PDB file of all heavy atoms in Angstrom:
ATOM      1  N   GLY A   1       0.819  -1.199   0.000  1.00  0.00           N
ATOM      2  CA  GLY A   1       0.000   0.000   0.000  1.00  0.00           C
ATOM      3  C   GLY A   1       0.854   1.251   0.000  1.00  0.00           C
ATOM      4  O   GLY A   1       2.039   1.224   0.306  1.00  0.00           O
ATOM      5  N   ARG A   2       0.241   2.376  -0.357  1.00  0.00           N
ATOM      6  CA  ARG A   2       0.985   3.629  -0.450  1.00  0.00           C
ATOM      7  C   ARG A   2       1.489   4.097   0.905  1.00  0.00           C
ATOM      8  O   ARG A   2       2.585   4.615   1.036  1.00  0.00           O
ATOM      9  CB  ARG A   2       0.110   4.720  -1.072  1.00  0.00           C
ATOM     10  CG  ARG A   2      -0.029   4.578  -2.554  1.00  0.00           C
ATOM     11  CD  ARG A   2      -0.840   5.678  -3.150  1.00  0.00           C
ATOM     12  NE  ARG A   2      -0.351   6.982  -2.750  1.00  0.00           N
ATOM     13  CZ  ARG A   2      -1.019   8.102  -2.931  1.00  0.00           C
ATOM     14  NH1 ARG A   2      -2.202   8.082  -3.470  1.00  0.00           N
ATOM     15  NH2 ARG A   2      -0.504   9.244  -2.563  1.00  0.00           N
ATOM     16  N   GLY A   3       0.679   3.931   1.919  1.00  0.00           N
ATOM     17  CA  GLY A   3       1.060   4.401   3.254  1.00  0.00           C
ATOM     18  C   GLY A   3       2.272   3.672   3.796  1.00  0.00           C
ATOM     19  O   GLY A   3       3.160   4.279   4.392  1.00  0.00           O
ATOM     20  N   LYS A   4       2.323   2.376   3.618  1.00  0.00           N
ATOM     21  CA  LYS A   4       3.438   1.584   4.143  1.00  0.00           C
ATOM     22  C   LYS A   4       4.742   1.927   3.431  1.00  0.00           C
ATOM     23  O   LYS A   4       5.790   2.010   4.052  1.00  0.00           O
ATOM     24  CB  LYS A   4       3.159   0.083   3.991  1.00  0.00           C
ATOM     25  CG  LYS A   4       2.111  -0.438   4.900  1.00  0.00           C
ATOM     26  CD  LYS A   4       2.672  -0.601   6.281  1.00  0.00           C
ATOM     27  CE  LYS A   4       1.658  -1.287   7.173  1.00  0.00           C
ATOM     28  NZ  LYS A   4       2.121  -1.484   8.505  1.00  0.00           N
ATOM     29  N   VAL A   5       4.673   2.125   2.112  1.00  0.00           N
ATOM     30  CA  VAL A   5       5.890   2.428   1.361  1.00  0.00           C
ATOM     31  C   VAL A   5       6.442   3.788   1.782  1.00  0.00           C
ATOM     32  O   VAL A   5       7.632   3.946   2.030  1.00  0.00           O
ATOM     33  CB  VAL A   5       5.634   2.369  -0.165  1.00  0.00           C
ATOM     34  CG1 VAL A   5       6.836   2.881  -0.930  1.00  0.00           C
ATOM     35  CG2 VAL A   5       5.295   0.953  -0.586  1.00  0.00           C
ATOM     36  N   SER A   6       5.568   4.785   1.897  1.00  0.00           N
ATOM     37  CA  SER A   6       6.039   6.110   2.295  1.00  0.00           C
ATOM     38  C   SER A   6       6.548   6.093   3.731  1.00  0.00           C
ATOM     39  O   SER A   6       7.519   6.773   4.069  1.00  0.00           O
ATOM     40  CB  SER A   6       4.939   7.148   2.121  1.00  0.00           C
ATOM     41  OG  SER A   6       3.857   6.881   2.989  1.00  0.00           O
ATOM     42  N   GLU A   7       5.894   5.313   4.594  1.00  0.00           N
ATOM     43  CA  GLU A   7       6.345   5.190   5.978  1.00  0.00           C
ATOM     44  C   GLU A   7       7.713   4.511   6.033  1.00  0.00           C
ATOM     45  O   GLU A   7       8.595   4.933   6.787  1.00  0.00           O
ATOM     46  CB  GLU A   7       5.327   4.352   6.765  1.00  0.00           C
ATOM     47  CG  GLU A   7       5.623   4.222   8.235  1.00  0.00           C
ATOM     48  CD  GLU A   7       4.551   3.404   8.939  1.00  0.00           C
ATOM     49  OE1 GLU A   7       3.362   3.680   8.725  1.00  0.00           O
ATOM     50  OE2 GLU A   7       4.937   2.495   9.688  1.00  0.00           O
ATOM     51  N   LEU A   8       7.902   3.484   5.210  1.00  0.00           N
ATOM     52  CA  LEU A   8       9.176   2.787   5.152  1.00  0.00           C
ATOM     53  C   LEU A   8      10.287   3.715   4.672  1.00  0.00           C
ATOM     54  O   LEU A   8      11.379   3.734   5.231  1.00  0.00           O
ATOM     55  CB  LEU A   8       9.069   1.566   4.236  1.00  0.00           C
ATOM     56  CG  LEU A   8      10.330   0.743   4.030  1.00  0.00           C
ATOM     57  CD1 LEU A   8      10.734   0.068   5.334  1.00  0.00           C
ATOM     58  CD2 LEU A   8      10.107  -0.295   2.947  1.00  0.00           C
ATOM     59  N   MET A   9      10.007   4.510   3.659  1.00  0.00           N
ATOM     60  CA  MET A   9      11.009   5.447   3.139  1.00  0.00           C
ATOM     61  C   MET A   9      11.333   6.518   4.184  1.00  0.00           C
ATOM     62  O   MET A   9      12.474   6.949   4.304  1.00  0.00           O
ATOM     63  CB  MET A   9      10.533   6.082   1.835  1.00  0.00           C
ATOM     64  CG  MET A   9      10.398   5.086   0.693  1.00  0.00           C
ATOM     65  SD  MET A   9      11.853   4.079   0.428  1.00  0.00           S
ATOM     66  CE  MET A   9      12.988   5.293  -0.148  1.00  0.00           C
ATOM     67  N   GLY A  10      10.329   6.951   4.953  1.00  0.00           N
ATOM     68  CA  GLY A  10      10.570   7.913   6.029  1.00  0.00           C
ATOM     69  C   GLY A  10      11.473   7.329   7.095  1.00  0.00           C
ATOM     70  O   GLY A  10      12.367   8.006   7.622  1.00  0.00           O
ATOM     71  N   ASP A  11      11.256   6.053   7.428  1.00  0.00           N
ATOM     72  CA  ASP A  11      12.105   5.387   8.411  1.00  0.00           C
ATOM     73  C   ASP A  11      13.536   5.251   7.914  1.00  0.00           C
ATOM     74  O   ASP A  11      14.496   5.406   8.680  1.00  0.00           O
ATOM     75  CB  ASP A  11      11.543   4.010   8.757  1.00  0.00           C
ATOM     76  CG  ASP A  11      10.250   4.085   9.564  1.00  0.00           C
ATOM     77  OD1 ASP A  11       9.962   5.158  10.128  1.00  0.00           O
ATOM     78  OD2 ASP A  11       9.528   3.059   9.614  1.00  0.00           O
ATOM     79  N   VAL A  12      13.683   4.967   6.622  1.00  0.00           N
ATOM     80  CA  VAL A  12      15.026   4.868   6.043  1.00  0.00           C
ATOM     81  C   VAL A  12      15.728   6.222   6.118  1.00  0.00           C
ATOM     82  O   VAL A  12      16.899   6.309   6.474  1.00  0.00           O
ATOM     83  CB  VAL A  12      14.955   4.355   4.581  1.00  0.00           C
ATOM     84  CG1 VAL A  12      16.292   4.499   3.886  1.00  0.00           C
ATOM     85  CG2 VAL A  12      14.503   2.910   4.553  1.00  0.00           C
ATOM     86  N   ALA A  13      14.982   7.288   5.806  1.00  0.00           N
ATOM     87  CA  ALA A  13      15.564   8.633   5.858  1.00  0.00           C
ATOM     88  C   ALA A  13      15.987   8.992   7.288  1.00  0.00           C
ATOM     89  O   ALA A  13      17.052   9.566   7.505  1.00  0.00           O
ATOM     90  CB  ALA A  13      14.580   9.661   5.325  1.00  0.00           C
ATOM     91  N   LYS A  14      15.158   8.641   8.273  1.00  0.00           N
ATOM     92  CA  LYS A  14      15.509   8.909   9.672  1.00  0.00           C
ATOM     93  C   LYS A  14      16.759   8.138  10.076  1.00  0.00           C
ATOM     94  O   LYS A  14      17.609   8.644  10.800  1.00  0.00           O
ATOM     95  CB  LYS A  14      14.356   8.522  10.593  1.00  0.00           C
ATOM     96  CG  LYS A  14      13.189   9.468  10.540  1.00  0.00           C
ATOM     97  CD  LYS A  14      12.087   9.009  11.472  1.00  0.00           C
ATOM     98  CE  LYS A  14      10.849   9.864  11.327  1.00  0.00           C
ATOM     99  NZ  LYS A  14       9.746   9.360  12.159  1.00  0.00           N
ATOM    100  N   GLY A  15      16.871   6.904   9.602  1.00  0.00           N
ATOM    101  CA  GLY A  15      18.049   6.100   9.909  1.00  0.00           C
ATOM    102  C   GLY A  15      19.312   6.712   9.319  1.00  0.00           C
ATOM    103  O   GLY A  15      20.351   6.745   9.964  1.00  0.00           O
ATOM    104  N   ILE A  16      19.218   7.210   8.097  1.00  0.00           N
ATOM    105  CA  ILE A  16      20.371   7.837   7.459  1.00  0.00           C
ATOM    106  C   ILE A  16      20.776   9.101   8.207  1.00  0.00           C
ATOM    107  O   ILE A  16      21.959   9.341   8.460  1.00  0.00           O
ATOM    108  CB  ILE A  16      20.077   8.132   5.972  1.00  0.00           C
ATOM    109  CG1 ILE A  16      19.959   6.818   5.200  1.00  0.00           C
ATOM    110  CG2 ILE A  16      21.144   9.024   5.359  1.00  0.00           C
ATOM    111  CD1 ILE A  16      19.465   6.976   3.781  1.00  0.00           C
ATOM    112  N   LYS A  17      19.785   9.917   8.599  1.00  0.00           N
ATOM    113  CA  LYS A  17      20.092  11.138   9.349  1.00  0.00           C
ATOM    114  C   LYS A  17      20.743  10.810  10.682  1.00  0.00           C
ATOM    115  O   LYS A  17      21.690  11.467  11.105  1.00  0.00           O
ATOM    116  CB  LYS A  17      18.817  11.951   9.577  1.00  0.00           C
ATOM    117  CG  LYS A  17      18.309  12.652   8.347  1.00  0.00           C
ATOM    118  CD  LYS A  17      17.051  13.436   8.650  1.00  0.00           C
ATOM    119  CE  LYS A  17      16.467  14.064   7.400  1.00  0.00           C
ATOM    120  NZ  LYS A  17      15.208  14.780   7.681  1.00  0.00           N
ATOM    121  N   SER A  18      20.222   9.782  11.352  1.00  0.00           N
ATOM    122  CA  SER A  18      20.787   9.383  12.637  1.00  0.00           C
ATOM    123  C   SER A  18      22.226   8.890  12.467  1.00  0.00           C
ATOM    124  O   SER A  18      23.099   9.203  13.288  1.00  0.00           O
ATOM    125  CB  SER A  18      19.929   8.283  13.251  1.00  0.00           C
ATOM    126  OG  SER A  18      20.498   7.801  14.429  1.00  0.00           O
ATOM    127  N   PHE A  19      22.474   8.136  11.398  1.00  0.00           N
ATOM    128  CA  PHE A  19      23.822   7.644  11.133  1.00  0.00           C
ATOM    129  C   PHE A  19      24.780   8.801  10.875  1.00  0.00           C
ATOM    130  O   PHE A  19      25.884   8.834  11.426  1.00  0.00           O
ATOM    131  CB  PHE A  19      23.794   6.706   9.923  1.00  0.00           C
ATOM    132  CG  PHE A  19      25.144   6.204   9.517  1.00  0.00           C
ATOM    133  CD1 PHE A  19      25.766   5.212  10.251  1.00  0.00           C
ATOM    134  CD2 PHE A  19      25.779   6.721   8.412  1.00  0.00           C
ATOM    135  CE1 PHE A  19      27.015   4.739   9.880  1.00  0.00           C
ATOM    136  CE2 PHE A  19      27.027   6.264   8.034  1.00  0.00           C
ATOM    137  CZ  PHE A  19      27.639   5.267   8.768  1.00  0.00           C
ATOM    138  N   LYS A  20      24.355   9.780  10.081  1.00  0.00           N
ATOM    139  CA  LYS A  20      25.202  10.938   9.790  1.00  0.00           C
ATOM    140  C   LYS A  20      25.488  11.729  11.058  1.00  0.00           C
ATOM    141  O   LYS A  20      26.603  12.199  11.273  1.00  0.00           O
ATOM    142  CB  LYS A  20      24.536  11.838   8.754  1.00  0.00           C
ATOM    143  CG  LYS A  20      24.585  11.283   7.352  1.00  0.00           C
ATOM    144  CD  LYS A  20      23.974  12.252   6.369  1.00  0.00           C
ATOM    145  CE  LYS A  20      24.033  11.734   4.950  1.00  0.00           C
ATOM    146  NZ  LYS A  20      23.433  12.677   4.002  1.00  0.00           N
ATOM    147  N   LYS A  21      24.472  11.872  11.907  1.00  0.00           N
ATOM    148  CA  LYS A  21      24.655  12.604  13.163  1.00  0.00           C
ATOM    149  C   LYS A  21      25.652  11.869  14.061  1.00  0.00           C
ATOM    150  O   LYS A  21      26.520  12.485  14.674  1.00  0.00           O
ATOM    151  CB  LYS A  21      23.318  12.752  13.881  1.00  0.00           C
ATOM    152  CG  LYS A  21      23.397  13.540  15.153  1.00  0.00           C
ATOM    153  CD  LYS A  21      22.040  13.673  15.805  1.00  0.00           C
ATOM    154  CE  LYS A  21      22.144  14.410  17.120  1.00  0.00           C
ATOM    155  NZ  LYS A  21      20.853  14.478  17.812  1.00  0.00           N
ATOM    156  N   GLY A  22      25.548  10.545  14.113  1.00  0.00           N
ATOM    157  CA  GLY A  22      26.479   9.752  14.911  1.00  0.00           C
ATOM    158  C   GLY A  22      27.902   9.855  14.397  1.00  0.00           C
ATOM    159  O   GLY A  22      28.845   9.919  15.172  1.00  0.00           O
ATOM    160  N   MET A  23      28.062   9.877  13.091  1.00  0.00           N
ATOM    161  CA  MET A  23      29.396  10.012  12.514  1.00  0.00           C
ATOM    162  C   MET A  23      29.971  11.398  12.791  1.00  0.00           C
ATOM    163  O   MET A  23      31.164  11.533  13.026  1.00  0.00           O
ATOM    164  CB  MET A  23      29.367   9.753  11.006  1.00  0.00           C
ATOM    165  CG  MET A  23      29.044   8.326  10.637  1.00  0.00           C
ATOM    166  SD  MET A  23      30.205   7.140  11.288  1.00  0.00           S
ATOM    167  CE  MET A  23      31.639   7.533  10.319  1.00  0.00           C
ATOM    168  N   ALA A  24      29.124  12.422  12.783  1.00  0.00           N
ATOM    169  CA  ALA A  24      29.599  13.783  13.052  1.00  0.00           C
ATOM    170  C   ALA A  24      30.041  13.919  14.507  1.00  0.00           C
ATOM    171  O   ALA A  24      30.992  14.628  14.808  1.00  0.00           O
ATOM    172  CB  ALA A  24      28.510  14.794  12.729  1.00  0.00           C
ATOM    173  N   GLU A  25      29.360  13.236  15.425  1.00  0.00           N
ATOM    174  CA  GLU A  25      29.730  13.306  16.838  1.00  0.00           C
ATOM    175  C   GLU A  25      31.084  12.654  17.081  1.00  0.00           C
ATOM    176  O   GLU A  25      31.823  13.054  17.955  1.00  0.00           O
ATOM    177  CB  GLU A  25      28.666  12.626  17.691  1.00  0.00           C
ATOM    178  CG  GLU A  25      27.369  13.402  17.758  1.00  0.00           C
ATOM    179  CD  GLU A  25      26.275  12.658  18.496  1.00  0.00           C
ATOM    180  OE1 GLU A  25      26.500  11.506  18.910  1.00  0.00           O
ATOM    181  OE2 GLU A  25      25.194  13.235  18.639  1.00  0.00           O
ATOM    182  N   ASP A  26      31.433  11.634  16.302  1.00  0.00           N
ATOM    183  CA  ASP A  26      32.718  10.962  16.466  1.00  0.00           C
ATOM    184  C   ASP A  26      33.879  11.827  15.997  1.00  0.00           C
ATOM    185  O   ASP A  26      35.012  11.580  16.371  1.00  0.00           O
ATOM    186  CB  ASP A  26      32.733   9.642  15.688  1.00  0.00           C
ATOM    187  CG  ASP A  26      31.828   8.601  16.311  1.00  0.00           C
ATOM    188  OD1 ASP A  26      31.452   8.789  17.484  1.00  0.00           O
ATOM    189  OD2 ASP A  26      31.509   7.614  15.628  1.00  0.00           O
ATOM    190  N   ASP A  27      33.606  12.828  15.186  1.00  0.00           N
ATOM    191  CA  ASP A  27      34.670  13.654  14.622  1.00  0.00           C
ATOM    192  C   ASP A  27      35.115  14.783  15.547  1.00  0.00           C
ATOM    193  O   ASP A  27      35.987  15.556  15.186  1.00  0.00           O
ATOM    194  CB  ASP A  27      34.227  14.260  13.284  1.00  0.00           C
ATOM    195  CG  ASP A  27      34.090  13.197  12.209  1.00  0.00           C
ATOM    196  OD1 ASP A  27      34.660  12.114  12.397  1.00  0.00           O
ATOM    197  OD2 ASP A  27      33.418  13.458  11.207  1.00  0.00           O
ATOM    198  N   GLU A  28      34.525  14.879  16.735  1.00  0.00           N
ATOM    199  CA  GLU A  28      34.921  15.943  17.659  1.00  0.00           C
ATOM    200  C   GLU A  28      36.367  15.722  18.089  1.00  0.00           C
ATOM    201  O   GLU A  28      36.768  14.610  18.433  1.00  0.00           O
ATOM    202  CB  GLU A  28      34.015  15.938  18.882  1.00  0.00           C
ATOM    203  CG  GLU A  28      32.586  16.334  18.570  1.00  0.00           C
ATOM    204  CD  GLU A  28      31.710  16.271  19.811  1.00  0.00           C
ATOM    205  OE1 GLU A  28      32.217  15.954  20.903  1.00  0.00           O
ATOM    206  OE2 GLU A  28      30.519  16.528  19.658  1.00  0.00           O
ATOM    207  N   PRO A  29      37.179  16.770  18.074  1.00  0.00           N
ATOM    208  CA  PRO A  29      38.581  16.604  18.464  1.00  0.00           C
ATOM    209  C   PRO A  29      38.709  16.333  19.958  1.00  0.00           C
ATOM    210  O   PRO A  29      37.926  16.828  20.765  1.00  0.00           O
ATOM    211  CB  PRO A  29      39.208  17.950  18.094  1.00  0.00           C
ATOM    212  CG  PRO A  29      38.076  18.921  18.120  1.00  0.00           C
ATOM    213  CD  PRO A  29      36.852  18.136  17.703  1.00  0.00           C
ATOM    214  N   THR A  30      39.690  15.531  20.295  1.00  0.00           N
ATOM    215  CA  THR A  30      39.933  15.262  21.703  1.00  0.00           C
ATOM    216  C   THR A  30      40.684  16.445  22.301  1.00  0.00           C
ATOM    217  O   THR A  30      41.538  17.051  21.653  1.00  0.00           O
ATOM    218  CB  THR A  30      40.769  13.985  21.874  1.00  0.00           C
ATOM    219  OG1 THR A  30      41.973  14.127  21.118  1.00  0.00           O
ATOM    220  CG2 THR A  30      40.014  12.769  21.372  1.00  0.00           C
ATOM    221  N   PRO A  31      40.368  16.807  23.526  1.00  0.00           N
ATOM    222  CA  PRO A  31      41.044  17.960  24.124  1.00  0.00           C
ATOM    223  C   PRO A  31      42.521  17.657  24.367  1.00  0.00           C
ATOM    224  O   PRO A  31      42.887  16.548  24.732  1.00  0.00           O
ATOM    225  CB  PRO A  31      40.306  18.154  25.453  1.00  0.00           C
ATOM    226  CG  PRO A  31      39.635  16.859  25.726  1.00  0.00           C
ATOM    227  CD  PRO A  31      39.390  16.201  24.402  1.00  0.00           C
ATOM    228  N   THR A  32      43.337  18.654  24.144  1.00  0.00           N
ATOM    229  CA  THR A  32      44.772  18.482  24.358  1.00  0.00           C
ATOM    230  C   THR A  32      45.148  19.026  25.724  1.00  0.00           C
ATOM    231  O   THR A  32      44.500  19.918  26.262  1.00  0.00           O
ATOM    232  CB  THR A  32      45.573  19.224  23.269  1.00  0.00           C
ATOM    233  OG1 THR A  32      45.202  20.608  23.291  1.00  0.00           O
ATOM    234  CG2 THR A  32      45.275  18.653  21.896  1.00  0.00           C
ATOM    235  N   VAL A  33      46.212  18.485  26.276  1.00  0.00           N
ATOM    236  CA  VAL A  33      46.691  18.900  27.582  1.00  0.00           C
ATOM    237  C   VAL A  33      47.898  19.799  27.381  1.00  0.00           C
ATOM    238  O   VAL A  33      48.780  19.512  26.566  1.00  0.00           O
ATOM    239  CB  VAL A  33      47.057  17.669  28.440  1.00  0.00           C
ATOM    240  CG1 VAL A  33      47.567  18.099  29.798  1.00  0.00           C
ATOM    241  CG2 VAL A  33      45.864  16.762  28.584  1.00  0.00           C
ATOM    242  N   ASP A  34      47.941  20.858  28.135  1.00  0.00           N
ATOM    243  CA  ASP A  34      49.051  21.795  28.061  1.00  0.00           C
ATOM    244  C   ASP A  34      50.327  21.112  28.546  1.00  0.00           C
ATOM    245  O   ASP A  34      50.342  20.490  29.611  1.00  0.00           O
ATOM    246  CB  ASP A  34      48.725  23.009  28.935  1.00  0.00           C
ATOM    247  CG  ASP A  34      49.734  24.128  28.777  1.00  0.00           C
ATOM    248  OD1 ASP A  34      50.512  24.094  27.817  1.00  0.00           O
ATOM    249  OD2 ASP A  34      49.735  25.047  29.629  1.00  0.00           O
ATOM    250  N   PRO A  35      51.415  21.195  27.789  1.00  0.00           N
ATOM    251  CA  PRO A  35      52.672  20.553  28.215  1.00  0.00           C
ATOM    252  C   PRO A  35      53.163  21.043  29.569  1.00  0.00           C
ATOM    253  O   PRO A  35      53.815  20.308  30.309  1.00  0.00           O
ATOM    254  CB  PRO A  35      53.662  20.921  27.113  1.00  0.00           C
ATOM    255  CG  PRO A  35      52.837  21.254  25.929  1.00  0.00           C
ATOM    256  CD  PRO A  35      51.538  21.785  26.465  1.00  0.00           C
ATOM    257  N   LYS A  36      52.863  22.276  29.921  1.00  0.00           N
ATOM    258  CA  LYS A  36      53.279  22.807  31.232  1.00  0.00           C
ATOM    259  C   LYS A  36      52.605  22.027  32.358  1.00  0.00           C
ATOM    260  O   LYS A  36      53.221  21.771  33.395  1.00  0.00           O
ATOM    261  CB  LYS A  36      52.924  24.285  31.339  1.00  0.00           C
ATOM    262  CG  LYS A  36      53.712  25.171  30.399  1.00  0.00           C
ATOM    263  CD  LYS A  36      53.278  26.608  30.514  1.00  0.00           C
ATOM    264  CE  LYS A  36      53.983  27.479  29.483  1.00  0.00           C
ATOM    265  NZ  LYS A  36      53.508  28.861  29.520  1.00  0.00           N
ATOM    266  N   VAL A  37      51.343  21.635  32.144  1.00  0.00           N
ATOM    267  CA  VAL A  37      50.620  20.870  33.162  1.00  0.00           C
ATOM    268  C   VAL A  37      51.255  19.497  33.320  1.00  0.00           C
ATOM    269  O   VAL A  37      51.434  19.002  34.447  1.00  0.00           O
ATOM    270  CB  VAL A  37      49.123  20.755  32.782  1.00  0.00           C
ATOM    271  CG1 VAL A  37      48.378  19.827  33.732  1.00  0.00           C
ATOM    272  CG2 VAL A  37      48.465  22.130  32.766  1.00  0.00           C
ATOM    273  N   ILE A  38      51.619  18.881  32.201  1.00  0.00           N
ATOM    274  CA  ILE A  38      52.258  17.562  32.254  1.00  0.00           C
ATOM    275  C   ILE A  38      53.584  17.650  33.007  1.00  0.00           C
ATOM    276  O   ILE A  38      53.886  16.813  33.863  1.00  0.00           O
ATOM    277  CB  ILE A  38      52.469  17.004  30.834  1.00  0.00           C
ATOM    278  CG1 ILE A  38      51.106  16.736  30.187  1.00  0.00           C
ATOM    279  CG2 ILE A  38      53.306  15.736  30.860  1.00  0.00           C
ATOM    280  CD1 ILE A  38      51.180  16.325  28.736  1.00  0.00           C
ATOM    281  N   ASP A  39      54.383  18.679  32.722  1.00  0.00           N
ATOM    282  CA  ASP A  39      55.661  18.849  33.408  1.00  0.00           C
ATOM    283  C   ASP A  39      55.455  19.065  34.903  1.00  0.00           C
ATOM    284  O   ASP A  39      56.204  18.535  35.730  1.00  0.00           O
ATOM    285  CB  ASP A  39      56.431  20.030  32.817  1.00  0.00           C
ATOM    286  CG  ASP A  39      56.909  19.754  31.397  1.00  0.00           C
ATOM    287  OD1 ASP A  39      56.990  18.566  31.020  1.00  0.00           O
ATOM    288  OD2 ASP A  39      57.185  20.730  30.670  1.00  0.00           O
ATOM    289  N   GLN A  40      54.429  19.829  35.275  1.00  0.00           N
ATOM    290  CA  GLN A  40      54.143  20.086  36.687  1.00  0.00           C
ATOM    291  C   GLN A  40      53.746  18.796  37.403  1.00  0.00           C
ATOM    292  O   GLN A  40      54.198  18.533  38.518  1.00  0.00           O
ATOM    293  CB  GLN A  40      53.043  21.142  36.828  1.00  0.00           C
ATOM    294  CG  GLN A  40      52.726  21.513  38.258  1.00  0.00           C
ATOM    295  CD  GLN A  40      53.908  22.141  38.967  1.00  0.00           C
ATOM    296  OE1 GLN A  40      54.619  22.950  38.391  1.00  0.00           O
ATOM    297  NE2 GLN A  40      54.116  21.780  40.218  1.00  0.00           N
ATOM    298  N   VAL A  41      52.925  17.971  36.744  1.00  0.00           N
ATOM    299  CA  VAL A  41      52.501  16.704  37.352  1.00  0.00           C
ATOM    300  C   VAL A  41      53.704  15.779  37.528  1.00  0.00           C
ATOM    301  O   VAL A  41      53.856  15.126  38.574  1.00  0.00           O
ATOM    302  CB  VAL A  41      51.404  16.028  36.488  1.00  0.00           C
ATOM    303  CG1 VAL A  41      51.129  14.609  36.945  1.00  0.00           C
ATOM    304  CG2 VAL A  41      50.127  16.852  36.516  1.00  0.00           C
TER     305      VAL A  41
END
């Protein structure tokens, strides 16, 4: 039926958006530590 196909395509689109969002979150840079702090420790 038309409703099921459009609903299925909407779910696929949501999955793709969620995947892209998850990949973007992984790209955040890790914070760096100041070398002066390391020397002090």
